Amino acid sequence: MFNLKLINGMKKSLIIVVICLQFCIAINAQEKSALNFTRKTAVEFALRNNPELKAVKEGINAARGKASQTGRLSNPVLGSEYGNDTLFSDEGEYAFRVSISQKFPLFGRLSKEKKIGSIDIKLASVEYEEARRLLALQVEKAYLDALEMEAIVAEKRNLLTATQKLESTLKNAAINAEVSSLEAKRAESESAKLKVEIMRDDIEAAVLKTQLKTLLGISPESEIRLLDKLSEISIPDEKFSMKILEARPDWQMYSIAEQSANASIALLKAGRFEDIEVGVFFEASESVDEPVGMTREKIMGLSVSIPLPFNSNDGGIEEQFALRRQAKARAAAKENQIKAEISIYRMRAQKYMEILNNHRSKVVALSDEIYEEYLKARKEAQAGISDVFSAWQTNLQLKLNEISITAEQARNSISLRYALALENKDEK
């Protein structure tokens, strides 16, 4: 009998071990299938995989393909002519002519077309760099948004654990008639309220992660884990300079637009005279000439055609002058905008850092002390349950405020780095 019990016990133990192993294997498989990202690796991943960015990059190839067709001579023209007098006197007279001609531009038009093509490639490349800059900034902000929500949920879960523990204690005490059942119900109500809040925050956290996945270029069904912790980010010391301005792709666009207008003006001026046409021809004929009779002639020569400059491109030139002035004005406006960005983001990052330091040194420390005092008073039956939950809620709100301030400081510091064109440099 003893052996049978022993065997049954071993079977149960073995089943438990197998279940635990299966659970561990499932957890490990899930962890391996999840993608881990830091803020830095998330940006690197997005720059490699975001489909919208890949589409913008194709604009460079399109510009290169277009440029490869510019600056070329037009195709030569092969011509032939034949005629006879069959419909007239039918004396056997005929004329035959073969020619080949080529158009050649005046005033370096082809080189100017090539220059416009190279500028178009440069503009497409800068547009791609600007798309990369904006995507990287979006990814960093989306990562911080998701981190902020994760931190909020974590704090509420911590309070939920403490509330549920107190709820269990109060229920046992109510059974023993040590406390009022109303206190146990109040604790149960607080737990239920927190659970609902956490459920809503979980939805928002899932939405924010899905938005981040979209920027990363991965499926919404994929699992990702954020490895960084929410914390303030150092504020760069760099000031506005021409070097920073020239490193901003959105400002470079207007500079290139001005170059494009200048190149177009030069091309239009060169195009005032159309291409001259130079050719070689061979001509043979037979004719009847009285009293000599049938005569044969063969001629080879050169031909030149020069179009007269009756058409004017002055309207097109004036249009390009206007576009050049427009590019200059927009470049100046973009410069002011960049200066404002740097000023605003620096001010906000510094102010939020000051608020955060003050919050931690004064408000949070005092709230934690009050929290502990109320907890101690409750254990000694010197504080009501309402006072305890009020202190806990106040403490939670202050922690959520700290999370919000930290996230805002980090977002503005990151925006400042991108405004200063420091996105590819390591943070201090």
Protein backbone atom coordinates (compact mmCIF):
# COMPACT_ATOMS: atom_id res chain seq x y z
CA MET A 1 0.00 0.00 0.00
CA PHE A 2 2.85 2.28 0.87
CA ASN A 3 4.51 1.63 -2.47
CA LEU A 4 1.29 2.43 -4.36
CA LYS A 5 0.97 5.78 -2.60
CA LEU A 6 4.61 6.49 -3.32
CA ILE A 7 4.15 5.69 -6.99
CA ASN A 8 1.03 7.87 -7.22
CA GLY A 9 2.87 10.72 -5.54
CA MET A 10 5.76 10.40 -7.96
CA LYS A 11 3.32 10.46 -10.89
CA LYS A 12 1.73 13.66 -9.63
CA SER A 13 5.12 15.23 -9.08
CA LEU A 14 6.21 14.22 -12.58
CA ILE A 15 3.05 15.74 -14.08
CA ILE A 16 3.67 18.99 -12.22
CA VAL A 17 7.28 19.08 -13.42
CA VAL A 18 6.19 18.48 -17.04
CA ILE A 19 3.58 21.26 -16.83
CA CYS A 20 6.16 23.64 -15.38
CA LEU A 21 8.65 22.77 -18.13
CA GLN A 22 6.03 23.34 -20.82
CA PHE A 23 5.12 26.69 -19.26
CA CYS A 24 8.80 27.72 -19.14
CA ILE A 25 9.33 26.62 -22.74
CA ALA A 26 6.28 28.63 -23.84
CA ILE A 27 7.51 31.72 -21.96
CA ASN A 28 11.00 31.40 -23.45
CA ALA A 29 9.56 30.96 -26.95
CA GLN A 30 7.44 34.06 -26.49
CA GLU A 31 10.42 36.05 -25.24
CA LYS A 32 12.53 34.92 -28.17
CA SER A 33 9.81 35.88 -30.66
CA ALA A 34 9.57 39.40 -29.24
CA LEU A 35 11.78 42.13 -30.70
CA ASN A 36 13.82 44.12 -28.19
CA PHE A 37 14.48 47.79 -28.82
CA THR A 38 16.35 50.59 -27.14
CA ARG A 39 15.58 54.11 -28.31
CA LYS A 40 18.75 54.09 -30.42
CA THR A 41 18.21 50.66 -32.01
CA ALA A 42 14.58 51.54 -32.74
CA VAL A 43 15.73 54.50 -34.84
CA GLU A 44 18.33 52.37 -36.65
CA PHE A 45 15.74 49.68 -37.35
CA ALA A 46 13.19 52.18 -38.70
CA LEU A 47 15.73 53.79 -41.02
CA ARG A 48 16.37 50.37 -42.55
CA ASN A 49 12.82 49.03 -42.71
CA ASN A 50 10.25 51.85 -42.91
CA PRO A 51 8.45 51.41 -46.28
CA GLU A 52 7.61 55.10 -46.68
CA LEU A 53 11.28 55.99 -46.36
CA LYS A 54 12.16 53.36 -48.98
CA ALA A 55 9.63 54.98 -51.31
CA VAL A 56 11.25 58.40 -50.83
CA LYS A 57 14.67 56.90 -51.57
CA GLU A 58 13.40 55.72 -54.95
CA GLY A 59 13.07 59.40 -55.85
CA ILE A 60 16.88 59.53 -56.04
CA ASN A 61 16.93 56.68 -58.57
CA ALA A 62 14.19 58.41 -60.56
CA ALA A 63 16.20 61.65 -60.64
CA ARG A 64 19.31 59.75 -61.73
CA GLY A 65 17.37 58.03 -64.50
CA LYS A 66 16.02 61.35 -65.71
CA ALA A 67 19.46 62.99 -65.55
CA SER A 68 21.00 60.20 -67.62
CA GLN A 69 18.80 61.28 -70.56
CA THR A 70 19.87 64.94 -70.43
CA GLY A 71 22.85 66.57 -72.11
CA ARG A 72 22.69 64.36 -75.18
CA LEU A 73 22.64 65.30 -78.82
CA SER A 74 19.38 64.63 -80.60
CA ASN A 75 19.27 61.63 -82.92
CA PRO A 76 20.72 62.21 -86.41
CA VAL A 77 18.21 62.44 -89.26
CA LEU A 78 18.54 60.21 -92.34
CA GLY A 79 16.61 61.45 -95.38
CA SER A 80 16.06 60.30 -98.96
CA GLU A 81 14.27 61.75 -102.01
CA TYR A 82 13.42 60.26 -105.40
CA GLY A 83 11.44 61.63 -108.35
CA ASN A 84 10.90 60.94 -112.09
CA ASP A 85 8.90 62.23 -115.07
CA THR A 86 6.76 59.11 -115.54
CA LEU A 87 3.53 61.07 -115.19
CA PHE A 88 4.69 63.74 -117.63
CA SER A 89 6.89 63.35 -120.72
CA ASP A 90 8.22 59.95 -119.53
CA GLU A 91 11.63 60.50 -121.10
CA GLY A 92 13.45 58.59 -118.36
CA GLU A 93 14.41 61.61 -116.28
CA TYR A 94 14.83 61.12 -112.52
CA ALA A 95 16.45 62.69 -109.47
CA PHE A 96 17.69 60.89 -106.33
CA ARG A 97 18.96 62.39 -103.09
CA VAL A 98 20.24 60.89 -99.82
CA SER A 99 21.21 62.99 -96.78
CA ILE A 100 22.17 62.63 -93.14
CA SER A 101 22.09 65.58 -90.76
CA GLN A 102 22.73 66.30 -87.09
CA LYS A 103 21.59 69.16 -84.88
CA PHE A 104 24.16 70.89 -82.69
CA PRO A 105 23.24 73.29 -79.87
CA LEU A 106 24.75 76.72 -79.48
CA PHE A 107 26.01 78.33 -76.23
CA GLY A 108 26.58 75.10 -74.26
CA ARG A 109 22.94 74.11 -73.85
CA LEU A 110 23.74 70.44 -73.26
CA SER A 111 26.13 71.15 -70.40
CA LYS A 112 23.49 73.36 -68.81
CA GLU A 113 20.91 70.56 -69.12
CA LYS A 114 23.37 68.21 -67.38
CA LYS A 115 23.79 70.72 -64.58
CA ILE A 116 20.03 70.87 -64.01
CA GLY A 117 19.96 67.06 -63.94
CA SER A 118 22.69 66.95 -61.28
CA ILE A 119 20.82 69.54 -59.21
CA ASP A 120 17.66 67.42 -59.41
CA ILE A 121 19.64 64.43 -58.06
CA LYS A 122 21.00 66.59 -55.26
CA LEU A 123 17.52 67.83 -54.39
CA ALA A 124 16.12 64.27 -54.32
CA SER A 125 19.00 63.23 -52.02
CA VAL A 126 18.32 66.11 -49.64
CA GLU A 127 14.60 65.31 -49.61
CA TYR A 128 15.54 61.75 -48.62
CA GLU A 129 17.80 63.01 -45.82
CA GLU A 130 14.98 65.21 -44.53
CA ALA A 131 12.61 62.23 -44.60
CA ARG A 132 15.19 60.24 -42.59
CA ARG A 133 15.51 63.08 -40.07
CA LEU A 134 11.76 63.41 -39.58
CA LEU A 135 11.29 59.63 -39.31
CA ALA A 136 14.03 59.32 -36.70
CA LEU A 137 12.47 62.13 -34.67
CA GLN A 138 9.03 60.51 -34.92
CA VAL A 139 10.42 57.16 -33.76
CA GLU A 140 12.17 58.68 -30.75
CA LYS A 141 9.03 60.56 -29.70
CA ALA A 142 6.82 57.49 -30.24
CA TYR A 143 9.26 55.43 -28.16
CA LEU A 144 9.06 57.99 -25.34
CA ASP A 145 5.25 58.08 -25.54
CA ALA A 146 5.15 54.29 -25.13
CA LEU A 147 7.67 54.43 -22.26
CA GLU A 148 5.60 57.08 -20.50
CA MET A 149 2.46 54.95 -20.68
CA GLU A 150 4.34 51.87 -19.48
CA ALA A 151 5.61 53.85 -16.48
CA ILE A 152 2.08 55.07 -15.70
CA VAL A 153 0.69 51.53 -15.80
CA ALA A 154 3.55 50.26 -13.61
CA GLU A 155 2.83 52.86 -10.91
CA LYS A 156 -0.88 52.08 -10.93
CA ARG A 157 -0.15 48.35 -10.70
CA ASN A 158 2.06 48.99 -7.67
CA LEU A 159 -0.78 50.86 -5.98
CA LEU A 160 -3.24 48.12 -7.01
CA THR A 161 -1.04 45.51 -5.31
CA ALA A 162 -0.96 47.54 -2.09
CA THR A 163 -4.71 48.18 -2.28
CA GLN A 164 -5.51 44.51 -2.83
CA LYS A 165 -3.28 43.55 0.08
CA LEU A 166 -5.09 46.03 2.32
CA GLU A 167 -8.43 44.80 0.94
CA SER A 168 -7.58 41.23 1.91
CA THR A 169 -6.50 42.33 5.40
CA LEU A 170 -9.68 44.35 5.92
CA LYS A 171 -11.93 41.51 4.76
CA ASN A 172 -10.34 39.14 7.26
CA ALA A 173 -10.62 41.78 9.97
CA ALA A 174 -14.30 42.36 9.08
CA ILE A 175 -15.01 38.65 9.43
CA ASN A 176 -13.52 38.78 12.92
CA ALA A 177 -15.56 41.95 13.62
CA GLU A 178 -12.36 43.91 14.14
CA VAL A 179 -13.27 46.57 11.56
CA SER A 180 -16.41 47.71 9.82
CA SER A 181 -17.38 45.85 6.65
CA LEU A 182 -17.70 49.28 5.02
CA GLU A 183 -13.92 49.69 5.19
CA ALA A 184 -13.45 46.37 3.39
CA LYS A 185 -15.97 47.43 0.76
CA ARG A 186 -14.17 50.78 0.34
CA ALA A 187 -10.91 48.93 -0.28
CA GLU A 188 -12.65 46.64 -2.75
CA SER A 189 -14.07 49.68 -4.53
CA GLU A 190 -10.64 51.32 -4.77
CA SER A 191 -9.19 48.11 -6.22
CA ALA A 192 -11.95 47.88 -8.81
CA LYS A 193 -11.45 51.53 -9.80
CA LEU A 194 -7.72 51.00 -10.25
CA LYS A 195 -8.31 47.87 -12.33
CA VAL A 196 -10.55 49.82 -14.70
CA GLU A 197 -7.98 52.61 -15.00
CA ILE A 198 -5.24 50.08 -15.75
CA MET A 199 -7.40 48.37 -18.38
CA ARG A 200 -7.93 51.71 -20.13
CA ASP A 201 -4.23 52.55 -19.88
CA ASP A 202 -3.35 49.12 -21.29
CA ILE A 203 -5.43 49.94 -24.35
CA GLU A 204 -3.62 53.25 -24.81
CA ALA A 205 -0.26 51.52 -24.28
CA ALA A 206 -1.14 48.99 -27.00
CA VAL A 207 -2.14 51.82 -29.37
CA LEU A 208 1.12 53.68 -28.76
CA LYS A 209 3.16 50.53 -29.35
CA THR A 210 1.24 49.86 -32.56
CA GLN A 211 2.04 53.38 -33.77
CA LEU A 212 5.70 52.73 -32.99
CA LYS A 213 5.56 49.42 -34.88
CA THR A 214 4.17 51.23 -37.92
CA LEU A 215 7.11 53.63 -37.89
CA LEU A 216 9.50 50.70 -37.45
CA GLY A 217 8.00 49.02 -40.50
CA ILE A 218 6.92 45.83 -38.74
CA SER A 219 3.57 44.06 -38.44
CA PRO A 220 1.12 45.34 -35.78
CA GLU A 221 0.83 41.73 -34.58
CA SER A 222 4.55 41.56 -33.75
CA GLU A 223 5.60 41.69 -30.12
CA ILE A 224 8.12 44.33 -29.08
CA ARG A 225 9.77 45.15 -25.77
CA LEU A 226 11.18 48.54 -24.84
CA LEU A 227 14.45 48.09 -22.99
CA ASP A 228 15.07 51.71 -21.96
CA LYS A 229 13.69 53.28 -18.81
CA LEU A 230 12.00 56.65 -18.83
CA SER A 231 14.45 59.30 -17.66
CA GLU A 232 15.43 62.88 -18.39
CA ILE A 233 17.81 63.52 -21.29
CA SER A 234 20.79 65.85 -21.15
CA ILE A 235 20.44 69.22 -22.86
CA PRO A 236 23.06 69.90 -25.59
CA ASP A 237 25.12 73.08 -25.24
CA GLU A 238 25.47 73.85 -28.95
CA LYS A 239 24.18 77.23 -30.14
CA PHE A 240 22.76 78.28 -33.49
CA SER A 241 25.37 78.76 -36.20
CA MET A 242 25.66 78.71 -39.98
CA LYS A 243 27.19 75.24 -39.69
CA ILE A 244 24.01 73.96 -38.03
CA LEU A 245 21.87 75.70 -40.64
CA GLU A 246 23.78 74.08 -43.50
CA ALA A 247 23.41 70.66 -41.82
CA ARG A 248 19.60 70.92 -41.82
CA PRO A 249 18.21 69.22 -44.97
CA ASP A 250 14.99 71.28 -44.84
CA TRP A 251 17.09 74.47 -45.19
CA GLN A 252 19.33 72.93 -47.86
CA MET A 253 16.25 72.36 -50.02
CA TYR A 254 15.73 76.10 -50.48
CA SER A 255 19.41 76.66 -51.22
CA ILE A 256 19.23 73.95 -53.91
CA ALA A 257 15.99 75.47 -55.25
CA GLU A 258 17.88 78.74 -55.75
CA GLN A 259 20.65 76.86 -57.59
CA SER A 260 18.02 75.17 -59.75
CA ALA A 261 16.47 78.53 -60.67
CA ASN A 262 19.89 79.92 -61.65
CA ALA A 263 20.61 76.86 -63.79
CA SER A 264 17.20 77.14 -65.47
CA ILE A 265 17.82 80.82 -66.25
CA ALA A 266 21.15 79.94 -67.88
CA LEU A 267 19.48 77.16 -69.90
CA LEU A 268 16.70 79.45 -71.11
CA LYS A 269 19.22 82.08 -72.18
CA ALA A 270 21.18 79.44 -74.06
CA GLY A 271 17.96 78.24 -75.68
CA ARG A 272 17.17 81.60 -77.28
CA PHE A 273 18.93 80.26 -80.36
CA GLU A 274 17.66 76.92 -81.52
CA ASP A 275 19.99 74.14 -82.63
CA ILE A 276 21.77 74.54 -85.95
CA GLU A 277 21.57 71.57 -88.29
CA VAL A 278 24.60 70.36 -90.27
CA GLY A 279 24.32 67.59 -92.84
CA VAL A 280 25.97 65.71 -95.70
CA PHE A 281 24.03 64.86 -98.86
CA PHE A 282 24.49 62.93 -102.10
CA GLU A 283 22.40 63.72 -105.16
CA ALA A 284 22.19 61.95 -108.55
CA SER A 285 19.97 62.77 -111.53
CA GLU A 286 19.37 62.08 -115.23
CA SER A 287 17.75 64.63 -117.50
CA VAL A 288 17.13 65.21 -121.21
CA ASP A 289 18.72 68.36 -122.60
CA GLU A 290 18.26 69.20 -126.28
CA PRO A 291 20.31 69.01 -128.39
CA VAL A 292 22.82 67.30 -126.06
CA GLY A 293 20.50 64.47 -125.14
CA MET A 294 20.49 62.50 -121.87
CA THR A 295 22.85 63.90 -119.20
CA ARG A 296 23.83 62.41 -115.85
CA GLU A 297 24.89 64.43 -112.78
CA LYS A 298 26.17 63.40 -109.33
CA ILE A 299 26.68 65.86 -106.50
CA MET A 300 27.92 65.53 -102.89
CA GLY A 301 27.91 68.41 -100.51
CA LEU A 302 27.27 69.90 -97.07
CA SER A 303 24.11 71.54 -95.78
CA VAL A 304 23.65 73.98 -92.87
CA SER A 305 20.35 75.16 -91.41
CA ILE A 306 20.24 78.04 -88.91
CA PRO A 307 16.85 78.78 -87.27
CA LEU A 308 16.12 82.47 -86.88
CA PRO A 309 15.66 83.61 -83.24
CA PHE A 310 12.09 84.88 -83.60
CA ASN A 311 10.79 83.11 -80.46
CA SER A 312 11.57 84.67 -77.09
CA ASN A 313 12.02 82.95 -73.74
CA ASP A 314 11.87 86.17 -71.73
CA GLY A 315 8.65 85.05 -69.98
CA GLY A 316 10.27 81.81 -68.85
CA ILE A 317 13.32 83.68 -67.61
CA GLU A 318 11.15 86.06 -65.59
CA GLU A 319 9.39 83.04 -64.08
CA GLN A 320 12.71 81.58 -62.96
CA PHE A 321 13.78 84.94 -61.53
CA ALA A 322 10.57 84.92 -59.46
CA LEU A 323 11.25 81.34 -58.32
CA ARG A 324 14.77 82.33 -57.30
CA ARG A 325 13.47 85.24 -55.23
CA GLN A 326 10.88 82.90 -53.71
CA ALA A 327 13.58 80.36 -52.75
CA LYS A 328 15.65 83.11 -51.08
CA ALA A 329 12.65 84.35 -49.12
CA ARG A 330 11.72 80.85 -47.98
CA ALA A 331 15.31 80.11 -47.00
CA ALA A 332 15.28 83.21 -44.80
CA ALA A 333 11.94 82.15 -43.29
CA LYS A 334 13.25 78.64 -42.63
CA GLU A 335 16.33 80.12 -40.93
CA ASN A 336 14.10 82.08 -38.55
CA GLN A 337 11.98 78.99 -37.94
CA ILE A 338 15.06 76.91 -37.05
CA LYS A 339 16.28 79.62 -34.68
CA ALA A 340 12.86 79.64 -33.01
CA GLU A 341 12.84 75.83 -32.72
CA ILE A 342 16.22 75.84 -31.00
CA SER A 343 15.19 78.62 -28.62
CA ILE A 344 11.83 77.07 -27.71
CA TYR A 345 13.05 73.50 -27.25
CA ARG A 346 16.05 74.61 -25.18
CA MET A 347 13.88 76.80 -22.94
CA ARG A 348 11.30 74.05 -22.43
CA ALA A 349 13.90 71.34 -21.79
CA GLN A 350 15.67 73.51 -19.21
CA LYS A 351 12.44 74.56 -17.49
CA TYR A 352 11.13 71.02 -17.30
CA MET A 353 14.47 69.92 -15.85
CA GLU A 354 14.17 72.61 -13.16
CA ILE A 355 10.57 71.59 -12.42
CA LEU A 356 11.61 67.94 -12.25
CA ASN A 357 14.45 68.61 -9.81
CA ASN A 358 12.20 70.73 -7.61
CA HIS A 359 9.44 68.12 -7.76
CA ARG A 360 11.80 65.34 -6.68
CA SER A 361 13.56 67.25 -3.95
CA LYS A 362 10.46 68.72 -2.31
CA VAL A 363 7.11 67.38 -3.43
CA VAL A 364 7.84 63.65 -3.90
CA ALA A 365 9.96 63.32 -0.76
CA LEU A 366 7.28 64.99 1.36
CA SER A 367 4.51 62.89 -0.25
CA ASP A 368 6.42 59.64 0.38
CA GLU A 369 6.84 60.65 4.01
CA ILE A 370 3.10 61.38 4.35
CA TYR A 371 2.32 58.08 2.62
CA GLU A 372 4.40 56.11 5.12
CA GLU A 373 2.97 58.03 8.07
CA TYR A 374 -0.61 57.31 7.02
CA LEU A 375 0.24 53.65 6.49
CA LYS A 376 1.74 53.50 9.98
CA ALA A 377 -1.23 55.37 11.46
CA ARG A 378 -3.62 52.95 9.80
CA LYS A 379 -1.83 49.96 11.29
CA GLU A 380 -2.14 51.57 14.70
CA ALA A 381 -5.83 52.34 14.05
CA GLN A 382 -5.14 56.07 14.25
CA ALA A 383 -6.26 56.91 10.71
CA GLY A 384 -9.44 56.12 8.80
CA ILE A 385 -9.50 54.16 5.58
CA SER A 386 -10.60 57.24 3.64
CA ASP A 387 -7.52 59.14 4.85
CA VAL A 388 -5.25 56.29 3.77
CA PHE A 389 -6.71 56.05 0.27
CA SER A 390 -6.67 59.83 -0.07
CA ALA A 391 -2.95 59.83 0.80
CA TRP A 392 -2.32 56.96 -1.59
CA GLN A 393 -4.14 58.69 -4.44
CA THR A 394 -2.22 61.91 -3.79
CA ASN A 395 1.05 59.99 -3.80
CA LEU A 396 0.09 58.24 -7.04
CA GLN A 397 -0.86 61.52 -8.71
CA LEU A 398 2.47 63.06 -7.75
CA LYS A 399 4.32 60.09 -9.22
CA LEU A 400 2.27 60.35 -12.40
CA ASN A 401 3.14 64.06 -12.53
CA GLU A 402 6.82 63.16 -12.25
CA ILE A 403 6.45 60.68 -15.13
CA SER A 404 4.72 63.30 -17.26
CA ILE A 405 7.34 65.99 -16.50
CA THR A 406 10.18 63.55 -17.19
CA ALA A 407 8.65 62.56 -20.53
CA GLU A 408 8.16 66.21 -21.54
CA GLN A 409 11.74 67.06 -20.63
CA ALA A 410 13.01 64.10 -22.66
CA ARG A 411 10.83 64.96 -25.67
CA ASN A 412 12.03 68.57 -25.74
CA SER A 413 15.68 67.57 -25.33
CA ILE A 414 15.34 65.17 -28.24
CA SER A 415 13.60 67.81 -30.36
CA LEU A 416 16.41 70.22 -29.52
CA ARG A 417 19.02 67.71 -30.68
CA TYR A 418 17.25 67.35 -34.01
CA ALA A 419 16.84 71.11 -34.33
CA LEU A 420 20.62 71.41 -33.83
CA ALA A 421 21.23 68.60 -36.39
CA LEU A 422 22.85 66.46 -33.67
CA GLU A 423 20.68 63.40 -34.21
CA ASN A 424 23.61 61.26 -35.37
CA LYS A 425 25.83 62.18 -32.43
CA ASP A 426 25.86 60.33 -29.12
CA GLU A 427 24.17 62.01 -26.19
CA LYS A 428 26.34 63.26 -23.34
